């Protein structure tokens, strides 16, 4: 049975792809599975996709493989279009402030470029 895509996922520049290239094959496979889930399911479990509080509309895509935790920031453009930006391996309980600041900067850059 073919799954119907209800959300489109795009990469802003090479931020996500560069991060993805550094990952082990089993982590890449889990990211691909998670992105397919996000693009085809109406209700996405918060375990995989969650709004980041105190941000300008950033969402966190979450992947766990063994005891390793990975995150990729994203945001919406035009409702059902998700733009992927920076990713990182999470090593502490709290999401690093510098990663959130980078994501905010990339989101602004995306919309600034789009507006030209």
Protein backbone atom coordinates (compact mmCIF):
# COMPACT_ATOMS: atom_id res chain seq x y z
CA UNK A 1 0.00 0.00 0.00
CA UNK A 2 1.37 3.37 -1.05
CA UNK A 3 1.43 6.09 1.57
CA UNK A 4 0.03 9.51 0.75
CA UNK A 5 2.24 12.48 1.52
CA UNK A 6 0.42 15.21 3.45
CA UNK A 7 3.51 17.32 4.17
CA UNK A 8 6.44 18.18 1.94
CA UNK A 9 9.91 18.22 3.45
CA UNK A 10 12.66 20.42 2.04
CA UNK A 11 16.26 21.03 3.03
CA UNK A 12 17.45 24.60 3.45
CA UNK A 13 20.82 24.75 1.72
CA UNK A 14 22.97 21.80 2.87
CA UNK A 15 22.65 22.16 6.64
CA UNK A 16 20.64 18.98 7.18
CA UNK A 17 22.37 16.99 4.43
CA UNK A 18 25.83 17.81 5.80
CA UNK A 19 24.71 16.67 9.27
CA UNK A 20 23.05 13.55 7.82
CA UNK A 21 26.27 12.58 6.00
CA UNK A 22 28.14 12.40 9.33
CA UNK A 23 25.73 9.86 10.84
CA UNK A 24 26.14 6.10 11.08
CA UNK A 25 23.95 4.10 8.63
CA UNK A 26 21.54 2.93 11.35
CA UNK A 27 20.99 6.54 12.47
CA UNK A 28 20.44 7.64 8.85
CA UNK A 29 17.87 4.87 8.43
CA UNK A 30 16.01 6.02 11.56
CA UNK A 31 16.03 9.64 10.35
CA UNK A 32 14.62 8.54 6.99
CA UNK A 33 11.89 6.54 8.77
CA UNK A 34 11.07 9.49 11.03
CA UNK A 35 10.88 11.95 8.11
CA UNK A 36 8.55 9.58 6.27
CA UNK A 37 6.36 9.38 9.39
CA UNK A 38 6.25 13.20 9.61
CA UNK A 39 5.39 13.57 5.93
CA UNK A 40 2.63 10.92 5.84
CA UNK A 41 0.86 10.91 9.22
CA UNK A 42 -1.81 13.35 10.40
CA UNK A 43 -0.90 13.00 14.07
CA UNK A 44 2.81 12.77 14.73
CA UNK A 45 3.81 11.51 18.19
CA UNK A 46 5.66 14.18 20.21
CA UNK A 47 8.41 11.60 20.68
CA UNK A 48 9.44 12.32 17.06
CA UNK A 49 8.28 15.87 16.31
CA UNK A 50 7.70 18.61 18.84
CA UNK A 51 7.30 22.39 18.94
CA UNK A 52 10.15 24.10 20.76
CA UNK A 53 8.85 26.44 23.45
CA UNK A 54 10.27 29.98 23.62
CA UNK A 55 11.20 29.98 19.91
CA UNK A 56 9.77 31.67 16.83
CA UNK A 57 7.99 28.53 15.63
CA UNK A 58 10.85 26.04 15.57
CA UNK A 59 10.15 22.33 15.74
CA UNK A 60 12.51 19.59 16.82
CA UNK A 61 12.70 16.27 14.97
CA UNK A 62 13.90 13.68 17.46
CA UNK A 63 15.68 10.40 16.80
CA UNK A 64 17.08 7.92 19.30
CA UNK A 65 19.34 5.03 18.37
CA UNK A 66 20.56 3.03 21.33
CA UNK A 67 21.62 5.54 23.98
CA UNK A 68 22.37 8.25 21.39
CA UNK A 69 19.93 11.10 20.83
CA UNK A 70 19.88 13.27 17.71
CA UNK A 71 17.91 16.41 16.91
CA UNK A 72 17.18 18.38 13.76
CA UNK A 73 15.46 21.74 13.84
CA UNK A 74 12.76 22.57 11.35
CA UNK A 75 9.96 25.04 10.74
CA UNK A 76 6.83 25.37 8.64
CA UNK A 77 6.46 27.42 5.49
CA UNK A 78 3.01 27.65 3.86
CA UNK A 79 1.26 25.29 6.26
CA UNK A 80 2.29 21.79 5.24
CA UNK A 81 5.82 22.45 3.97
CA UNK A 82 8.53 21.61 6.49
CA UNK A 83 11.99 23.10 6.09
CA UNK A 84 14.89 21.19 7.71
CA UNK A 85 17.87 23.12 9.02
CA UNK A 86 20.64 22.34 11.51
CA UNK A 87 21.08 19.04 13.32
CA UNK A 88 23.20 17.87 16.23
CA UNK A 89 23.76 15.00 18.64
CA UNK A 90 22.20 15.80 21.99
CA UNK A 91 24.55 15.07 24.87
CA UNK A 92 22.89 16.96 27.70
CA UNK A 93 19.37 17.14 29.14
CA UNK A 94 18.83 20.68 27.88
CA UNK A 95 19.02 21.63 24.19
CA UNK A 96 22.16 23.76 23.70
CA UNK A 97 21.33 27.46 23.42
CA UNK A 98 23.81 27.92 20.56
CA UNK A 99 21.93 25.31 18.47
CA UNK A 100 18.62 27.12 19.04
CA UNK A 101 20.25 30.46 18.17
CA UNK A 102 21.67 28.98 14.97
CA UNK A 103 18.26 27.55 14.04
CA UNK A 104 16.60 30.94 14.63
CA UNK A 105 19.26 32.62 12.46
CA UNK A 106 18.80 30.07 9.63
CA UNK A 107 15.02 30.43 9.73
CA UNK A 108 15.31 34.23 9.44
CA UNK A 109 17.86 33.83 6.62
CA UNK A 110 15.48 31.47 4.76
CA UNK A 111 12.54 33.90 4.91
CA UNK A 112 14.80 36.91 4.10
CA UNK A 113 16.09 35.14 0.96
CA UNK A 114 12.62 33.97 0.00
CA UNK A 115 11.31 37.52 0.24
CA UNK A 116 13.82 38.84 -2.32
